[in-house]
Amino acid sequence: EAGHAVASYYLESQDPVHEISIIPRGMAGGYTLYIPTEDKTYRYKGEMLDELVSLLGGRVAEQIVRGDVSTGASNDIERATDIARKMVTKYGMSDNLGPVSYDSNGEVFLGKDYGHAKNYSESTAMAIDQEIKTIITDAYKRTEEILTQHRDKLDELAEYLVKHEKIDGEKFRKIMEGTFVEEPDVIEETVTVEAEPTVTEEAVETSDSVQETPDGNPEE
């Protein structure tokens, strides 16, 4: 999660981080929550490319820190691939293929597989796959550059999350700005109060029964 947050922080088009958690929920091992700063009815190509960088932050962080990768980023990779595919086939954002829609949203006749219905040739399909791969690869490289350059922030945020499991947006921004100072743990001291000795009823009765005689000697 630290990889997603740090990568998105250095992308101006991305929404600010509101909260990060590494507490597992269902199939998810954690989450990074963003709060939109404005309502949008459409998106620019640059914003979508930046989102790919943010999505790949978890996988790249694993590679940088551990030198290995896990299955934890599988959902992020699926989402990134879906965005890249739509950029190429639906929104006409490919420089090589041009502003052409290859999205098969038309009627699918009986006997055809819904997942393989297409209205373009095999050579075009290969070009689409290559374009998607290029977009993802370029985004991966950008993510590597960001997280490698800001490895200190990545480590500091990860250490905080390991210790506290969650962090809000304000503390996250302070870590990124280098102004965060963690408050020391408060150790509660136990104060032992010694009770004053009490006078028993028996002692009071004994005291009251002691009287002095004329010669000054006590007499019961």
C-alpha atoms as a PDB file:
ATOM      1  CA  GLU A   1       0.000   0.000   0.000  1.00  0.00           C
ATOM      2  CA  ALA A   2       2.889   2.349   0.639  1.00  0.00           C
ATOM      3  CA  GLY A   3       3.940   1.960  -2.990  1.00  0.00           C
ATOM      4  CA  HIS A   4       0.533   3.083  -4.271  1.00  0.00           C
ATOM      5  CA  ALA A   5       0.425   6.105  -1.972  1.00  0.00           C
ATOM      6  CA  VAL A   6       3.975   7.331  -2.581  1.00  0.00           C
ATOM      7  CA  ALA A   7       3.667   6.938  -6.349  1.00  0.00           C
ATOM      8  CA  SER A   8       0.350   8.812  -6.491  1.00  0.00           C
ATOM      9  CA  TYR A   9       1.715  11.632  -4.303  1.00  0.00           C
ATOM     10  CA  TYR A  10       4.139  12.635  -7.054  1.00  0.00           C
ATOM     11  CA  LEU A  11       1.467  12.556  -9.771  1.00  0.00           C
ATOM     12  CA  GLU A  12      -0.320  15.890  -9.992  1.00  0.00           C
ATOM     13  CA  SER A  13      -3.380  14.464 -11.729  1.00  0.00           C
ATOM     14  CA  GLN A  14      -4.163  11.982  -8.943  1.00  0.00           C
ATOM     15  CA  ASP A  15      -6.507  12.647  -6.040  1.00  0.00           C
ATOM     16  CA  PRO A  16      -4.974  13.155  -2.584  1.00  0.00           C
ATOM     17  CA  VAL A  17      -4.616  10.219  -0.207  1.00  0.00           C
ATOM     18  CA  HIS A  18      -7.247  10.183   2.530  1.00  0.00           C
ATOM     19  CA  GLU A  19      -6.327   7.011   4.392  1.00  0.00           C
ATOM     20  CA  ILE A  20      -4.058   3.969   4.108  1.00  0.00           C
ATOM     21  CA  SER A  21      -4.592   0.669   5.891  1.00  0.00           C
ATOM     22  CA  ILE A  22      -2.849  -2.695   5.872  1.00  0.00           C
ATOM     23  CA  ILE A  23      -5.617  -4.374   7.866  1.00  0.00           C
ATOM     24  CA  PRO A  24      -6.923  -7.270   5.732  1.00  0.00           C
ATOM     25  CA  ARG A  25     -10.541  -7.054   4.615  1.00  0.00           C
ATOM     26  CA  GLY A  26     -11.961 -10.018   2.749  1.00  0.00           C
ATOM     27  CA  MET A  27      -9.648 -10.854  -0.142  1.00  0.00           C
ATOM     28  CA  ALA A  28      -7.850  -7.517   0.103  1.00  0.00           C
ATOM     29  CA  GLY A  29      -4.707  -7.217   2.173  1.00  0.00           C
ATOM     30  CA  GLY A  30      -5.302  -3.504   2.732  1.00  0.00           C
ATOM     31  CA  TYR A  31      -6.360  -0.363   0.901  1.00  0.00           C
ATOM     32  CA  THR A  32      -5.334   3.138  -0.109  1.00  0.00           C
ATOM     33  CA  LEU A  33      -8.300   5.515  -0.082  1.00  0.00           C
ATOM     34  CA  TYR A  34      -8.365   8.632  -2.240  1.00  0.00           C
ATOM     35  CA  ILE A  35     -10.813  11.536  -1.978  1.00  0.00           C
ATOM     36  CA  PRO A  36     -11.730  13.227  -5.300  1.00  0.00           C
ATOM     37  CA  THR A  37     -11.226  16.988  -5.297  1.00  0.00           C
ATOM     38  CA  GLU A  38     -13.829  17.523  -8.017  1.00  0.00           C
ATOM     39  CA  ASP A  39     -16.550  15.721  -9.958  1.00  0.00           C
ATOM     40  CA  LYS A  40     -15.461  14.570 -13.418  1.00  0.00           C
ATOM     41  CA  THR A  41     -17.581  13.375 -16.309  1.00  0.00           C
ATOM     42  CA  TYR A  42     -14.598  12.559 -18.522  1.00  0.00           C
ATOM     43  CA  ARG A  43     -10.891  11.829 -18.170  1.00  0.00           C
ATOM     44  CA  TYR A  44      -7.778  12.840 -20.039  1.00  0.00           C
ATOM     45  CA  LYS A  45      -5.195  10.448 -21.391  1.00  0.00           C
ATOM     46  CA  GLY A  46      -2.517  11.821 -19.054  1.00  0.00           C
ATOM     47  CA  GLU A  47      -4.723  11.141 -16.024  1.00  0.00           C
ATOM     48  CA  MET A  48      -5.273   7.549 -17.092  1.00  0.00           C
ATOM     49  CA  LEU A  49      -1.551   7.001 -17.667  1.00  0.00           C
ATOM     50  CA  ASP A  50      -0.869   8.400 -14.181  1.00  0.00           C
ATOM     51  CA  GLU A  51      -3.466   6.061 -12.695  1.00  0.00           C
ATOM     52  CA  LEU A  52      -1.566   3.138 -14.185  1.00  0.00           C
ATOM     53  CA  VAL A  53       1.553   4.322 -12.365  1.00  0.00           C
ATOM     54  CA  SER A  54      -0.355   4.482  -9.088  1.00  0.00           C
ATOM     55  CA  LEU A  55      -1.897   1.034  -9.595  1.00  0.00           C
ATOM     56  CA  LEU A  56       1.495  -0.532 -10.265  1.00  0.00           C
ATOM     57  CA  GLY A  57       2.978   1.019  -7.116  1.00  0.00           C
ATOM     58  CA  GLY A  58       2.407  -2.100  -5.016  1.00  0.00           C
ATOM     59  CA  ARG A  59       4.058  -4.497  -7.458  1.00  0.00           C
ATOM     60  CA  VAL A  60       7.017  -2.187  -8.058  1.00  0.00           C
ATOM     61  CA  ALA A  61       7.496  -1.585  -4.314  1.00  0.00           C
ATOM     62  CA  GLU A  62       7.702  -5.350  -3.771  1.00  0.00           C
ATOM     63  CA  GLN A  63      10.316  -5.685  -6.482  1.00  0.00           C
ATOM     64  CA  ILE A  64      12.415  -2.816  -5.111  1.00  0.00           C
ATOM     65  CA  VAL A  65      12.246  -3.748  -1.428  1.00  0.00           C
ATOM     66  CA  ARG A  66      12.128  -7.550  -1.523  1.00  0.00           C
ATOM     67  CA  GLY A  67      13.678  -8.275  -4.880  1.00  0.00           C
ATOM     68  CA  ASP A  68      10.730 -10.561  -5.601  1.00  0.00           C
ATOM     69  CA  VAL A  69       7.008 -10.314  -6.359  1.00  0.00           C
ATOM     70  CA  SER A  70       3.903 -11.987  -4.943  1.00  0.00           C
ATOM     71  CA  THR A  71       0.292 -12.589  -5.915  1.00  0.00           C
ATOM     72  CA  GLY A  72      -0.833  -9.635  -3.799  1.00  0.00           C
ATOM     73  CA  ALA A  73      -0.828  -7.205  -6.736  1.00  0.00           C
ATOM     74  CA  SER A  74      -2.915  -9.410  -9.046  1.00  0.00           C
ATOM     75  CA  ASN A  75      -6.027  -7.225  -8.786  1.00  0.00           C
ATOM     76  CA  ASP A  76      -4.001  -4.065  -9.426  1.00  0.00           C
ATOM     77  CA  ILE A  77      -2.515  -5.623 -12.570  1.00  0.00           C
ATOM     78  CA  GLU A  78      -5.969  -6.641 -13.805  1.00  0.00           C
ATOM     79  CA  ARG A  79      -7.283  -3.119 -13.315  1.00  0.00           C
ATOM     80  CA  ALA A  80      -4.256  -1.560 -14.989  1.00  0.00           C
ATOM     81  CA  THR A  81      -4.552  -3.892 -17.969  1.00  0.00           C
ATOM     82  CA  ASP A  82      -8.263  -3.136 -18.304  1.00  0.00           C
ATOM     83  CA  ILE A  83      -7.592   0.611 -18.337  1.00  0.00           C
ATOM     84  CA  ALA A  84      -4.830   0.248 -20.932  1.00  0.00           C
ATOM     85  CA  ARG A  85      -7.047  -1.951 -23.119  1.00  0.00           C
ATOM     86  CA  LYS A  86      -9.889   0.578 -23.030  1.00  0.00           C
ATOM     87  CA  MET A  87      -7.469   3.380 -23.874  1.00  0.00           C
ATOM     88  CA  VAL A  88      -6.476   1.492 -27.019  1.00  0.00           C
ATOM     89  CA  THR A  89      -9.714  -0.171 -28.114  1.00  0.00           C
ATOM     90  CA  LYS A  90     -12.462   2.134 -26.815  1.00  0.00           C
ATOM     91  CA  TYR A  91     -11.114   5.667 -26.415  1.00  0.00           C
ATOM     92  CA  GLY A  92      -8.793   5.833 -29.447  1.00  0.00           C
ATOM     93  CA  MET A  93      -5.808   6.957 -27.335  1.00  0.00           C
ATOM     94  CA  SER A  94      -3.173   4.882 -29.123  1.00  0.00           C
ATOM     95  CA  ASP A  95      -0.642   6.877 -31.132  1.00  0.00           C
ATOM     96  CA  ASN A  96       0.122   3.872 -33.325  1.00  0.00           C
ATOM     97  CA  LEU A  97      -3.419   2.645 -33.975  1.00  0.00           C
ATOM     98  CA  GLY A  98      -4.981   6.079 -34.136  1.00  0.00           C
ATOM     99  CA  PRO A  99      -8.397   7.391 -33.030  1.00  0.00           C
ATOM    100  CA  VAL A 100     -10.237   4.236 -33.970  1.00  0.00           C
ATOM    101  CA  SER A 101     -12.628   2.205 -31.806  1.00  0.00           C
ATOM    102  CA  TYR A 102     -11.986  -1.520 -31.700  1.00  0.00           C
ATOM    103  CA  ASP A 103     -14.452  -2.093 -28.921  1.00  0.00           C
ATOM    104  CA  SER A 104     -16.927  -4.885 -29.719  1.00  0.00           C
ATOM    105  CA  ASN A 105     -20.090  -3.681 -28.043  1.00  0.00           C
ATOM    106  CA  GLY A 106     -22.405  -4.597 -30.884  1.00  0.00           C
ATOM    107  CA  GLU A 107     -24.837  -7.486 -31.037  1.00  0.00           C
ATOM    108  CA  VAL A 108     -23.290 -10.912 -30.552  1.00  0.00           C
ATOM    109  CA  PHE A 109     -25.002 -13.611 -32.603  1.00  0.00           C
ATOM    110  CA  LEU A 110     -25.743 -17.113 -31.381  1.00  0.00           C
ATOM    111  CA  GLY A 111     -22.851 -19.489 -31.739  1.00  0.00           C
ATOM    112  CA  LYS A 112     -20.213 -16.815 -31.051  1.00  0.00           C
ATOM    113  CA  ASP A 113     -18.226 -16.488 -27.846  1.00  0.00           C
ATOM    114  CA  TYR A 114     -18.995 -13.254 -26.030  1.00  0.00           C
ATOM    115  CA  GLY A 115     -15.384 -12.951 -24.943  1.00  0.00           C
ATOM    116  CA  HIS A 116     -13.945 -13.316 -28.440  1.00  0.00           C
ATOM    117  CA  ALA A 117     -16.365 -11.360 -30.628  1.00  0.00           C
ATOM    118  CA  LYS A 118     -14.359  -8.771 -32.607  1.00  0.00           C
ATOM    119  CA  ASN A 119     -14.605  -6.783 -35.774  1.00  0.00           C
ATOM    120  CA  TYR A 120     -10.942  -6.545 -36.715  1.00  0.00           C
ATOM    121  CA  SER A 121      -8.247  -8.781 -38.169  1.00  0.00           C
ATOM    122  CA  GLU A 122      -5.717 -10.969 -36.399  1.00  0.00           C
ATOM    123  CA  SER A 123      -2.905  -8.593 -37.317  1.00  0.00           C
ATOM    124  CA  THR A 124      -4.833  -5.718 -35.721  1.00  0.00           C
ATOM    125  CA  ALA A 125      -5.416  -7.866 -32.640  1.00  0.00           C
ATOM    126  CA  MET A 126      -1.679  -8.431 -32.345  1.00  0.00           C
ATOM    127  CA  ALA A 127      -1.067  -4.687 -32.719  1.00  0.00           C
ATOM    128  CA  ILE A 128      -3.616  -3.994 -29.975  1.00  0.00           C
ATOM    129  CA  ASP A 129      -1.952  -6.475 -27.615  1.00  0.00           C
ATOM    130  CA  GLN A 130       1.450  -4.948 -28.314  1.00  0.00           C
ATOM    131  CA  GLU A 131       0.145  -1.444 -27.700  1.00  0.00           C
ATOM    132  CA  ILE A 132      -1.398  -2.483 -24.375  1.00  0.00           C
ATOM    133  CA  LYS A 133       1.865  -4.095 -23.324  1.00  0.00           C
ATOM    134  CA  THR A 134       3.816  -0.961 -24.280  1.00  0.00           C
ATOM    135  CA  ILE A 135       1.519   1.274 -22.229  1.00  0.00           C
ATOM    136  CA  ILE A 136       1.809  -0.976 -19.162  1.00  0.00           C
ATOM    137  CA  THR A 137       5.588  -1.336 -19.540  1.00  0.00           C
ATOM    138  CA  ASP A 138       6.070   2.429 -19.815  1.00  0.00           C
ATOM    139  CA  ALA A 139       3.924   2.979 -16.714  1.00  0.00           C
ATOM    140  CA  TYR A 140       5.947   0.344 -14.835  1.00  0.00           C
ATOM    141  CA  LYS A 141       9.174   2.149 -15.674  1.00  0.00           C
ATOM    142  CA  ARG A 142       7.749   5.477 -14.476  1.00  0.00           C
ATOM    143  CA  THR A 143       6.695   3.848 -11.214  1.00  0.00           C
ATOM    144  CA  GLU A 144      10.178   2.415 -10.724  1.00  0.00           C
ATOM    145  CA  GLU A 145      11.741   5.843 -11.243  1.00  0.00           C
ATOM    146  CA  ILE A 146       9.434   7.490  -8.686  1.00  0.00           C
ATOM    147  CA  LEU A 147       9.803   4.866  -5.958  1.00  0.00           C
ATOM    148  CA  THR A 148      13.549   4.485  -6.451  1.00  0.00           C
ATOM    149  CA  GLN A 149      14.069   8.229  -6.244  1.00  0.00           C
ATOM    150  CA  HIS A 150      11.900   8.493  -3.113  1.00  0.00           C
ATOM    151  CA  ARG A 151      12.894   5.225  -1.465  1.00  0.00           C
ATOM    152  CA  ASP A 152      13.362   6.986   1.877  1.00  0.00           C
ATOM    153  CA  LYS A 153       9.698   8.061   1.933  1.00  0.00           C
ATOM    154  CA  LEU A 154       8.605   4.586   0.899  1.00  0.00           C
ATOM    155  CA  ASP A 155      10.523   3.015   3.783  1.00  0.00           C
ATOM    156  CA  GLU A 156       9.368   5.585   6.344  1.00  0.00           C
ATOM    157  CA  LEU A 157       5.719   5.129   5.396  1.00  0.00           C
ATOM    158  CA  ALA A 158       6.037   1.342   5.400  1.00  0.00           C
ATOM    159  CA  GLU A 159       7.591   1.379   8.879  1.00  0.00           C
ATOM    160  CA  TYR A 160       4.749   3.533  10.196  1.00  0.00           C
ATOM    161  CA  LEU A 161       2.135   1.198   8.711  1.00  0.00           C
ATOM    162  CA  VAL A 162       3.820  -1.889  10.140  1.00  0.00           C
ATOM    163  CA  LYS A 163       3.697  -0.280  13.586  1.00  0.00           C
ATOM    164  CA  HIS A 164       0.249   1.355  13.465  1.00  0.00           C
ATOM    165  CA  GLU A 165      -1.556  -0.489  10.619  1.00  0.00           C
ATOM    166  CA  LYS A 166      -3.346   2.704   9.520  1.00  0.00           C
ATOM    167  CA  ILE A 167      -2.473   6.305   8.715  1.00  0.00           C
ATOM    168  CA  ASP A 168      -4.672   9.268   7.828  1.00  0.00           C
ATOM    169  CA  GLY A 169      -4.111  11.725   5.015  1.00  0.00           C
ATOM    170  CA  GLU A 170      -2.677  14.490   7.200  1.00  0.00           C
ATOM    171  CA  LYS A 171       0.055  12.343   8.717  1.00  0.00           C
ATOM    172  CA  PHE A 172       0.805  10.850   5.295  1.00  0.00           C
ATOM    173  CA  ARG A 173       1.349  14.315   3.815  1.00  0.00           C
ATOM    174  CA  LYS A 174       3.632  15.266   6.707  1.00  0.00           C
ATOM    175  CA  ILE A 175       5.753  12.168   6.079  1.00  0.00           C
ATOM    176  CA  MET A 176       6.029  13.072   2.407  1.00  0.00           C
ATOM    177  CA  GLU A 177       6.878  16.690   3.245  1.00  0.00           C
ATOM    178  CA  GLY A 178       9.465  15.648   5.840  1.00  0.00           C
ATOM    179  CA  THR A 179       7.699  17.419   8.711  1.00  0.00           C
ATOM    180  CA  PHE A 180       6.229  14.425  10.523  1.00  0.00           C
ATOM    181  CA  VAL A 181       7.418  13.821  14.071  1.00  0.00           C
ATOM    182  CA  GLU A 182       5.985  10.796  15.798  1.00  0.00           C
ATOM    183  CA  GLU A 183       4.944  11.336  19.379  1.00  0.00           C
ATOM    184  CA  PRO A 184       6.731   9.088  21.884  1.00  0.00           C
ATOM    185  CA  ASP A 185       4.769   6.273  23.429  1.00  0.00           C
ATOM    186  CA  VAL A 186       3.209   7.325  26.718  1.00  0.00           C
ATOM    187  CA  ILE A 187       4.118   4.994  29.581  1.00  0.00           C
ATOM    188  CA  GLU A 188       1.551   5.061  32.354  1.00  0.00           C
ATOM    189  CA  GLU A 189       3.149   5.169  35.790  1.00  0.00           C
ATOM    190  CA  THR A 190       1.458   3.348  38.639  1.00  0.00           C
ATOM    191  CA  VAL A 191       1.408   5.474  41.801  1.00  0.00           C
ATOM    192  CA  THR A 192       1.083   3.524  45.052  1.00  0.00           C
ATOM    193  CA  VAL A 193      -0.609   5.470  47.847  1.00  0.00           C
ATOM    194  CA  GLU A 194       0.078   4.163  51.337  1.00  0.00           C
ATOM    195  CA  ALA A 195      -3.014   4.224  53.466  1.00  0.00           C
ATOM    196  CA  GLU A 196      -2.798   5.893  56.875  1.00  0.00           C
ATOM    197  CA  PRO A 197      -3.165   3.518  59.818  1.00  0.00           C
ATOM    198  CA  THR A 198      -6.658   3.432  61.211  1.00  0.00           C
ATOM    199  CA  VAL A 199      -7.619   3.299  64.842  1.00  0.00           C
ATOM    200  CA  THR A 200      -9.723   0.276  65.670  1.00  0.00           C
ATOM    201  CA  GLU A 201     -12.766   0.448  67.914  1.00  0.00           C
ATOM    202  CA  GLU A 202     -10.999  -1.816  70.399  1.00  0.00           C
ATOM    203  CA  ALA A 203      -8.105   0.624  70.690  1.00  0.00           C
ATOM    204  CA  VAL A 204     -10.513   3.526  71.196  1.00  0.00           C
ATOM    205  CA  GLU A 205     -12.339   1.699  73.975  1.00  0.00           C
ATOM    206  CA  THR A 206      -9.001   0.846  75.679  1.00  0.00           C
ATOM    207  CA  SER A 207      -7.919   4.477  75.502  1.00  0.00           C
ATOM    208  CA  ASP A 208     -11.157   5.745  76.970  1.00  0.00           C
ATOM    209  CA  SER A 209     -10.956   3.288  79.897  1.00  0.00           C
ATOM    210  CA  VAL A 210      -7.536   4.501  81.062  1.00  0.00           C
ATOM    211  CA  GLN A 211      -7.708   7.190  83.785  1.00  0.00           C
ATOM    212  CA  GLU A 212      -5.119   8.807  86.005  1.00  0.00           C
ATOM    213  CA  THR A 213      -5.112   8.284  89.801  1.00  0.00           C
ATOM    214  CA  PRO A 214      -4.433  11.132  92.225  1.00  0.00           C
ATOM    215  CA  ASP A 215      -0.796  10.070  92.466  1.00  0.00           C
ATOM    216  CA  GLY A 216      -0.463  10.397  88.669  1.00  0.00           C
ATOM    217  CA  ASN A 217      -0.389   6.678  87.897  1.00  0.00           C
ATOM    218  CA  PRO A 218      -2.803   5.460  85.259  1.00  0.00           C
ATOM    219  CA  GLU A 219      -5.634   3.355  86.475  1.00  0.00           C
ATOM    220  CA  GLU A 220      -8.149   1.353  84.510  1.00  0.00           C
END
